[in-house]
Amino acid sequence: MAERPEVRSFYLRCSTYFGDHPTGADAHQLIDMIESDDVDVALFGIGLIHMWVNDQEMTRVFEARHARRSWGWIGARLGRTRQAVWERYRDRTEGTPEG
């Protein structure tokens, strides 16, 4: 399968934001990415931030459940309903206290 030049070009443009951070951009680099005039780079940066936030949220929800916080308490802090948070994370936090 032939390499698509537009994909290669996209990754080369994005990689300029990673500098000396081979595993990812730091916060300032991510901000620069999402404020880029290059819409491809901006969307890529937004996607990276989205993935990071999702990972952090799942970790913190698990920690909150482990600390016996209720689904309502967690939902209020995330700006969501108790039910929305419970539906998203109940299977991932199995074995933690109910509430």
N, C-alpha and C. Protein backbone atom coordinates (compact mmCIF):
# COMPACT_ATOMS: atom_id res chain seq x y z
N MET A 1 0.85 -1.18 0.00
CA MET A 1 0.00 0.00 0.00
C MET A 1 0.89 1.24 0.00
N ALA A 2 0.63 2.15 -0.88
CA ALA A 2 1.44 3.36 -1.02
C ALA A 2 1.15 4.32 0.13
N GLU A 3 2.20 5.01 0.58
CA GLU A 3 2.04 6.00 1.64
C GLU A 3 1.31 7.22 1.09
N ARG A 4 0.38 7.73 1.85
CA ARG A 4 -0.37 8.92 1.41
C ARG A 4 0.39 10.17 1.84
N PRO A 5 0.83 11.00 0.91
CA PRO A 5 1.66 12.15 1.25
C PRO A 5 0.96 13.14 2.19
N GLU A 6 -0.36 13.28 2.10
CA GLU A 6 -1.05 14.22 2.98
C GLU A 6 -1.02 13.76 4.43
N VAL A 7 -1.05 12.45 4.66
CA VAL A 7 -0.97 11.92 6.03
C VAL A 7 0.44 12.14 6.58
N ARG A 8 1.43 11.84 5.78
CA ARG A 8 2.82 12.06 6.20
C ARG A 8 3.05 13.54 6.52
N SER A 9 2.58 14.41 5.67
CA SER A 9 2.72 15.85 5.88
C SER A 9 2.04 16.29 7.17
N PHE A 10 0.85 15.75 7.42
CA PHE A 10 0.11 16.08 8.64
C PHE A 10 0.91 15.72 9.89
N TYR A 11 1.43 14.50 9.94
CA TYR A 11 2.20 14.07 11.11
C TYR A 11 3.50 14.85 11.26
N LEU A 12 4.11 15.22 10.16
CA LEU A 12 5.32 16.04 10.24
C LEU A 12 5.00 17.42 10.81
N ARG A 13 3.88 18.01 10.38
CA ARG A 13 3.50 19.32 10.92
C ARG A 13 3.19 19.22 12.41
N CYS A 14 2.48 18.18 12.82
CA CYS A 14 2.14 18.01 14.24
C CYS A 14 3.37 17.73 15.08
N SER A 15 4.32 16.97 14.52
CA SER A 15 5.48 16.57 15.31
C SER A 15 6.35 17.76 15.70
N THR A 16 6.24 18.88 14.99
CA THR A 16 7.04 20.05 15.35
C THR A 16 6.65 20.59 16.71
N TYR A 17 5.47 20.25 17.21
CA TYR A 17 5.03 20.74 18.51
C TYR A 17 5.54 19.89 19.67
N PHE A 18 6.09 18.72 19.38
CA PHE A 18 6.51 17.81 20.44
C PHE A 18 7.93 18.05 20.93
N GLY A 19 8.73 18.75 20.17
CA GLY A 19 10.07 19.12 20.61
C GLY A 19 10.84 17.96 21.20
N ASP A 20 11.33 18.13 22.42
CA ASP A 20 12.12 17.12 23.11
C ASP A 20 11.27 16.13 23.89
N HIS A 21 9.98 16.12 23.65
CA HIS A 21 9.06 15.24 24.39
C HIS A 21 8.57 14.13 23.47
N PRO A 22 9.32 13.04 23.35
CA PRO A 22 8.94 12.00 22.40
C PRO A 22 7.62 11.32 22.74
N THR A 23 7.21 11.37 24.01
CA THR A 23 5.96 10.70 24.38
C THR A 23 4.77 11.63 24.33
N GLY A 24 4.98 12.89 24.02
CA GLY A 24 3.85 13.81 23.93
C GLY A 24 4.24 15.23 24.22
N ALA A 25 3.35 16.13 23.86
CA ALA A 25 3.58 17.55 24.05
C ALA A 25 3.28 17.93 25.49
N ASP A 26 3.93 18.99 25.97
CA ASP A 26 3.57 19.51 27.29
C ASP A 26 2.37 20.45 27.13
N ALA A 27 1.89 21.01 28.23
CA ALA A 27 0.67 21.82 28.20
C ALA A 27 0.81 23.02 27.26
N HIS A 28 1.95 23.70 27.29
CA HIS A 28 2.13 24.87 26.43
C HIS A 28 2.14 24.47 24.95
N GLN A 29 2.75 23.34 24.65
CA GLN A 29 2.77 22.88 23.27
C GLN A 29 1.38 22.49 22.80
N LEU A 30 0.58 21.88 23.69
CA LEU A 30 -0.79 21.53 23.31
C LEU A 30 -1.62 22.78 23.06
N ILE A 31 -1.44 23.80 23.88
CA ILE A 31 -2.16 25.06 23.67
C ILE A 31 -1.76 25.66 22.33
N ASP A 32 -0.45 25.65 22.04
CA ASP A 32 0.01 26.14 20.74
C ASP A 32 -0.63 25.36 19.61
N MET A 33 -0.77 24.05 19.78
CA MET A 33 -1.38 23.22 18.74
C MET A 33 -2.83 23.61 18.50
N ILE A 34 -3.61 23.75 19.58
CA ILE A 34 -5.04 24.02 19.39
C ILE A 34 -5.29 25.45 18.92
N GLU A 35 -4.31 26.34 19.11
CA GLU A 35 -4.43 27.71 18.62
C GLU A 35 -3.79 27.88 17.24
N SER A 36 -3.30 26.81 16.67
CA SER A 36 -2.64 26.86 15.37
C SER A 36 -3.60 27.31 14.28
N ASP A 37 -3.06 28.03 13.31
CA ASP A 37 -3.85 28.40 12.13
C ASP A 37 -4.10 27.19 11.23
N ASP A 38 -3.32 26.15 11.41
CA ASP A 38 -3.46 24.91 10.64
C ASP A 38 -4.56 24.07 11.30
N VAL A 39 -5.71 23.98 10.67
CA VAL A 39 -6.86 23.30 11.27
C VAL A 39 -6.55 21.83 11.58
N ASP A 40 -5.73 21.18 10.77
CA ASP A 40 -5.37 19.79 11.03
C ASP A 40 -4.61 19.67 12.35
N VAL A 41 -3.66 20.55 12.55
CA VAL A 41 -2.86 20.54 13.78
C VAL A 41 -3.74 20.89 14.97
N ALA A 42 -4.62 21.87 14.81
CA ALA A 42 -5.51 22.27 15.90
C ALA A 42 -6.41 21.11 16.33
N LEU A 43 -7.00 20.43 15.36
CA LEU A 43 -7.88 19.30 15.70
C LEU A 43 -7.10 18.15 16.34
N PHE A 44 -5.88 17.92 15.87
CA PHE A 44 -5.04 16.88 16.47
C PHE A 44 -4.76 17.22 17.93
N GLY A 45 -4.43 18.48 18.20
CA GLY A 45 -4.19 18.92 19.58
C GLY A 45 -5.42 18.76 20.45
N ILE A 46 -6.57 19.12 19.92
CA ILE A 46 -7.82 18.97 20.67
C ILE A 46 -8.07 17.49 20.96
N GLY A 47 -7.79 16.64 19.99
CA GLY A 47 -7.95 15.19 20.21
C GLY A 47 -7.03 14.68 21.30
N LEU A 48 -5.79 15.15 21.34
CA LEU A 48 -4.85 14.74 22.39
C LEU A 48 -5.34 15.19 23.76
N ILE A 49 -5.82 16.42 23.85
CA ILE A 49 -6.33 16.93 25.13
C ILE A 49 -7.55 16.12 25.54
N HIS A 50 -8.41 15.83 24.60
CA HIS A 50 -9.62 15.05 24.90
C HIS A 50 -9.26 13.67 25.47
N MET A 51 -8.28 13.01 24.86
CA MET A 51 -7.86 11.69 25.36
C MET A 51 -7.29 11.81 26.77
N TRP A 52 -6.48 12.83 27.00
CA TRP A 52 -5.87 13.02 28.32
C TRP A 52 -6.93 13.28 29.38
N VAL A 53 -7.90 14.16 29.05
CA VAL A 53 -8.97 14.46 30.01
C VAL A 53 -9.78 13.21 30.31
N ASN A 54 -10.11 12.41 29.31
CA ASN A 54 -10.86 11.17 29.54
C ASN A 54 -10.10 10.22 30.46
N ASP A 55 -8.79 10.08 30.22
CA ASP A 55 -7.97 9.22 31.08
C ASP A 55 -7.95 9.73 32.51
N GLN A 56 -7.78 11.04 32.67
CA GLN A 56 -7.75 11.63 34.01
C GLN A 56 -9.09 11.47 34.71
N GLU A 57 -10.17 11.69 33.96
CA GLU A 57 -11.49 11.57 34.55
C GLU A 57 -11.74 10.16 35.07
N MET A 58 -11.42 9.16 34.26
CA MET A 58 -11.65 7.78 34.68
C MET A 58 -10.83 7.46 35.93
N THR A 59 -9.59 7.89 35.95
CA THR A 59 -8.74 7.64 37.11
C THR A 59 -9.32 8.29 38.36
N ARG A 60 -9.74 9.54 38.23
CA ARG A 60 -10.26 10.27 39.39
C ARG A 60 -11.62 9.74 39.84
N VAL A 61 -12.44 9.30 38.92
CA VAL A 61 -13.72 8.69 39.31
C VAL A 61 -13.45 7.41 40.10
N PHE A 62 -12.51 6.60 39.63
CA PHE A 62 -12.17 5.38 40.34
C PHE A 62 -11.66 5.72 41.75
N GLU A 63 -10.79 6.73 41.86
CA GLU A 63 -10.27 7.13 43.17
C GLU A 63 -11.38 7.63 44.08
N ALA A 64 -12.32 8.39 43.51
CA ALA A 64 -13.43 8.90 44.31
C ALA A 64 -14.32 7.76 44.80
N ARG A 65 -14.58 6.79 43.94
CA ARG A 65 -15.39 5.64 44.37
C ARG A 65 -14.66 4.83 45.43
N HIS A 66 -13.37 4.67 45.25
CA HIS A 66 -12.57 3.96 46.25
C HIS A 66 -12.61 4.68 47.60
N ALA A 67 -12.72 6.02 47.55
CA ALA A 67 -12.81 6.82 48.77
C ALA A 67 -14.26 6.92 49.28
N ARG A 68 -15.13 6.08 48.71
CA ARG A 68 -16.52 5.96 49.13
C ARG A 68 -17.37 7.20 48.80
N ARG A 69 -17.01 7.93 47.76
CA ARG A 69 -17.82 9.06 47.31
C ARG A 69 -18.99 8.51 46.50
N SER A 70 -20.13 9.16 46.62
CA SER A 70 -21.32 8.70 45.91
C SER A 70 -21.27 9.13 44.45
N TRP A 71 -22.09 8.46 43.65
CA TRP A 71 -22.20 8.83 42.23
C TRP A 71 -22.73 10.25 42.10
N GLY A 72 -23.63 10.66 42.98
CA GLY A 72 -24.15 12.02 42.96
C GLY A 72 -23.07 13.05 43.24
N TRP A 73 -22.23 12.76 44.22
CA TRP A 73 -21.12 13.66 44.59
C TRP A 73 -20.18 13.82 43.40
N ILE A 74 -19.83 12.69 42.76
CA ILE A 74 -18.92 12.73 41.61
C ILE A 74 -19.57 13.48 40.45
N GLY A 75 -20.82 13.17 40.16
CA GLY A 75 -21.52 13.83 39.07
C GLY A 75 -21.60 15.34 39.25
N ALA A 76 -21.87 15.78 40.47
CA ALA A 76 -21.97 17.21 40.75
C ALA A 76 -20.65 17.92 40.44
N ARG A 77 -19.56 17.29 40.77
CA ARG A 77 -18.25 17.90 40.52
C ARG A 77 -17.85 17.88 39.05
N LEU A 78 -18.39 16.93 38.30
CA LEU A 78 -18.11 16.84 36.86
C LEU A 78 -19.13 17.63 36.02
N GLY A 79 -20.16 18.18 36.69
CA GLY A 79 -21.19 18.92 35.97
C GLY A 79 -22.14 18.02 35.21
N ARG A 80 -22.32 16.80 35.73
CA ARG A 80 -23.21 15.82 35.09
C ARG A 80 -24.14 15.25 36.14
N THR A 81 -25.14 14.53 35.67
CA THR A 81 -26.05 13.89 36.61
C THR A 81 -25.40 12.64 37.20
N ARG A 82 -25.92 12.23 38.33
CA ARG A 82 -25.47 10.99 38.97
C ARG A 82 -25.63 9.83 38.01
N GLN A 83 -26.77 9.79 37.34
CA GLN A 83 -27.05 8.67 36.44
C GLN A 83 -26.09 8.64 35.27
N ALA A 84 -25.76 9.79 34.70
CA ALA A 84 -24.85 9.83 33.54
C ALA A 84 -23.47 9.30 33.92
N VAL A 85 -22.99 9.69 35.09
CA VAL A 85 -21.67 9.23 35.54
C VAL A 85 -21.72 7.74 35.86
N TRP A 86 -22.77 7.32 36.53
CA TRP A 86 -22.92 5.90 36.88
C TRP A 86 -22.95 5.04 35.62
N GLU A 87 -23.72 5.46 34.61
CA GLU A 87 -23.82 4.68 33.38
C GLU A 87 -22.48 4.57 32.67
N ARG A 88 -21.70 5.64 32.72
CA ARG A 88 -20.41 5.62 32.02
C ARG A 88 -19.35 4.80 32.74
N TYR A 89 -19.37 4.82 34.08
CA TYR A 89 -18.26 4.22 34.83
C TYR A 89 -18.61 3.02 35.69
N ARG A 90 -19.86 2.64 35.80
CA ARG A 90 -20.22 1.58 36.73
C ARG A 90 -19.47 0.28 36.49
N ASP A 91 -19.31 -0.11 35.23
CA ASP A 91 -18.62 -1.37 34.93
C ASP A 91 -17.13 -1.28 35.21
N ARG A 92 -16.58 -0.09 35.10
CA ARG A 92 -15.13 0.08 35.31
C ARG A 92 -14.76 0.21 36.77
N THR A 93 -15.75 0.49 37.60
CA THR A 93 -15.47 0.66 39.03
C THR A 93 -16.09 -0.46 39.86
N GLU A 94 -16.40 -1.56 39.20
CA GLU A 94 -17.00 -2.70 39.88
C GLU A 94 -16.15 -3.10 41.08
N GLY A 95 -16.84 -3.40 42.16
CA GLY A 95 -16.12 -3.78 43.38
C GLY A 95 -15.87 -2.61 44.31
N THR A 96 -16.27 -1.39 43.88
CA THR A 96 -16.17 -0.22 44.75
C THR A 96 -17.51 -0.02 45.43
N PRO A 97 -17.56 0.78 46.45
CA PRO A 97 -18.82 0.96 47.21
C PRO A 97 -19.96 1.49 46.35
N GLU A 98 -21.15 1.06 46.64
CA GLU A 98 -22.33 1.58 45.97
C GLU A 98 -22.71 2.89 46.62
N GLY A 99 -23.46 3.73 45.87
CA GLY A 99 -23.91 4.96 46.50
C GLY A 99 -24.52 5.93 45.58
